[in-house]
């Protein structure tokens, strides 16, 4: 289609090919800050509050929150291959990392890509491990 000829540019990434001209292509490590959760025992409440997120999802409530926004959470051990997506105010336990973003990204799309990547990496690792 002739009208879209100048709408795309080469991404410089073989598997990605062309992207819209207004997109910035940056390495993931330049677009994200990885933060660590904290112990929740001092902020735990029985009613109301904000979700406390662990590797299995929400399991408690907190009187305060660590972050308000759209994030991908990753466990440090045992569940590294099972990222979680969350949007809103939350507290993350000290065995979780969460990613905040320096540029506008479609976090839900990145979450989907991370799930596929972790699944493939985990599956490939398992396939190559001796029984």
Protein backbone atom coordinates (compact mmCIF):
# COMPACT_ATOMS: atom_id res chain seq x y z
CA UNK A 1 0.00 0.00 0.00
CA UNK A 2 1.59 3.17 -1.22
CA UNK A 3 0.14 5.41 1.54
CA UNK A 4 2.09 3.50 4.23
CA UNK A 5 5.46 3.36 2.46
CA UNK A 6 6.99 6.07 4.68
CA UNK A 7 5.25 4.90 7.86
CA UNK A 8 7.75 2.15 8.70
CA UNK A 9 11.48 1.98 9.31
CA UNK A 10 13.92 -0.88 9.71
CA UNK A 11 14.18 -1.85 13.38
CA UNK A 12 17.73 -3.14 13.03
CA UNK A 13 16.57 -6.37 14.68
CA UNK A 14 16.31 -9.33 12.31
CA UNK A 15 13.29 -11.04 13.88
CA UNK A 16 11.39 -7.78 14.42
CA UNK A 17 11.88 -6.38 10.92
CA UNK A 18 10.02 -3.08 10.29
CA UNK A 19 8.41 -0.91 12.96
CA UNK A 20 6.45 2.36 12.82
CA UNK A 21 8.66 5.44 12.41
CA UNK A 22 7.62 6.92 15.76
CA UNK A 23 8.84 3.86 17.73
CA UNK A 24 12.15 4.10 19.58
CA UNK A 25 14.19 0.91 19.62
CA UNK A 26 16.14 0.61 22.86
CA UNK A 27 17.73 -2.35 24.65
CA UNK A 28 15.45 -3.72 27.36
CA UNK A 29 18.07 -2.93 30.02
CA UNK A 30 17.80 0.78 29.09
CA UNK A 31 14.00 0.79 29.33
CA UNK A 32 13.48 -0.87 32.70
CA UNK A 33 14.48 -0.59 36.35
CA UNK A 34 14.33 -3.81 38.35
CA UNK A 35 13.33 -3.27 41.97
CA UNK A 36 13.26 -5.68 44.88
CA UNK A 37 10.24 -6.25 47.12
CA UNK A 38 10.38 -5.91 50.91
CA UNK A 39 9.28 -7.83 53.96
CA UNK A 40 5.57 -7.21 54.49
CA UNK A 41 5.16 -8.20 58.15
CA UNK A 42 5.32 -4.61 59.46
CA UNK A 43 2.61 -3.42 57.04
CA UNK A 44 0.30 -6.45 57.06
CA UNK A 45 -3.37 -5.75 57.87
CA UNK A 46 -6.37 -8.02 58.27
CA UNK A 47 -8.89 -5.85 56.42
CA UNK A 48 -8.72 -3.38 53.55
CA UNK A 49 -5.30 -2.33 52.38
CA UNK A 50 -3.30 -3.10 49.29
CA UNK A 51 -2.48 -6.51 47.81
CA UNK A 52 0.72 -8.21 48.91
CA UNK A 53 2.07 -10.10 45.90
CA UNK A 54 4.21 -13.22 46.16
CA UNK A 55 5.23 -15.80 43.58
CA UNK A 56 1.74 -17.33 43.67
CA UNK A 57 -0.06 -13.99 43.36
CA UNK A 58 -1.90 -12.03 46.05
CA UNK A 59 -1.88 -13.69 49.46
CA UNK A 60 -2.24 -10.89 52.05
CA UNK A 61 -3.05 -7.18 52.47
CA UNK A 62 -0.76 -4.28 53.43
CA UNK A 63 -1.42 -0.85 54.96
CA UNK A 64 0.99 0.74 52.47
CA UNK A 65 2.17 0.08 48.92
CA UNK A 66 5.60 -0.05 47.26
CA UNK A 67 4.52 0.93 43.77
CA UNK A 68 1.48 2.15 41.86
CA UNK A 69 1.43 1.26 38.20
CA UNK A 70 1.74 -1.46 35.63
CA UNK A 71 4.48 -4.00 36.34
CA UNK A 72 5.81 -7.43 35.67
CA UNK A 73 6.83 -9.32 38.82
CA UNK A 74 9.37 -12.15 38.83
CA UNK A 75 10.29 -14.57 41.57
CA UNK A 76 13.93 -14.80 42.57
CA UNK A 77 14.11 -18.56 42.87
CA UNK A 78 11.90 -21.47 41.97
CA UNK A 79 9.39 -19.34 40.04
CA UNK A 80 11.68 -17.26 37.82
CA UNK A 81 9.99 -18.84 34.81
CA UNK A 82 6.50 -17.71 35.95
CA UNK A 83 6.29 -13.91 35.70
CA UNK A 84 3.16 -12.14 36.99
CA UNK A 85 1.42 -9.10 35.52
CA UNK A 86 -0.11 -6.52 37.89
CA UNK A 87 -1.65 -3.08 37.49
CA UNK A 88 -2.36 -0.80 40.46
CA UNK A 89 -1.03 -0.24 43.96
CA UNK A 90 0.70 -3.22 45.56
CA UNK A 91 3.33 -4.45 48.01
CA UNK A 92 5.77 -7.06 46.76
CA UNK A 93 7.43 -9.56 49.09
CA UNK A 94 11.21 -9.66 49.49
CA UNK A 95 11.53 -12.77 47.32
CA UNK A 96 10.10 -10.97 44.27
CA UNK A 97 11.51 -8.50 41.75
CA UNK A 98 9.29 -6.06 39.90
CA UNK A 99 10.08 -4.03 36.79
CA UNK A 100 9.26 -0.34 36.42
CA UNK A 101 9.63 1.24 33.01
CA UNK A 102 11.58 4.32 31.93
CA UNK A 103 9.83 4.58 28.56
CA UNK A 104 6.22 4.09 27.58
CA UNK A 105 5.75 0.42 26.84
CA UNK A 106 2.82 -1.88 26.44
CA UNK A 107 3.56 -3.81 29.62
CA UNK A 108 0.85 -6.43 29.01
CA UNK A 109 2.50 -7.28 25.67
CA UNK A 110 5.93 -7.52 27.29
CA UNK A 111 4.41 -9.81 29.93
CA UNK A 112 3.14 -12.12 27.19
CA UNK A 113 6.56 -12.16 25.51
CA UNK A 114 8.29 -12.84 28.85
CA UNK A 115 5.93 -15.74 29.56
CA UNK A 116 6.75 -17.28 26.19
CA UNK A 117 10.48 -16.65 26.61
CA UNK A 118 10.60 -18.11 30.12
CA UNK A 119 8.53 -21.11 29.00
CA UNK A 120 10.83 -21.74 26.04
CA UNK A 121 13.98 -21.23 28.09
CA UNK A 122 12.72 -23.47 30.90
CA UNK A 123 11.52 -26.12 28.44
CA UNK A 124 14.80 -26.07 26.51
CA UNK A 125 16.76 -26.25 29.75
CA UNK A 126 14.73 -29.22 30.91
CA UNK A 127 15.17 -30.97 27.58
CA UNK A 128 18.94 -30.60 27.76
CA UNK A 129 19.30 -31.71 31.37
CA UNK A 130 20.43 -35.29 31.86
CA UNK A 131 17.78 -37.50 33.45
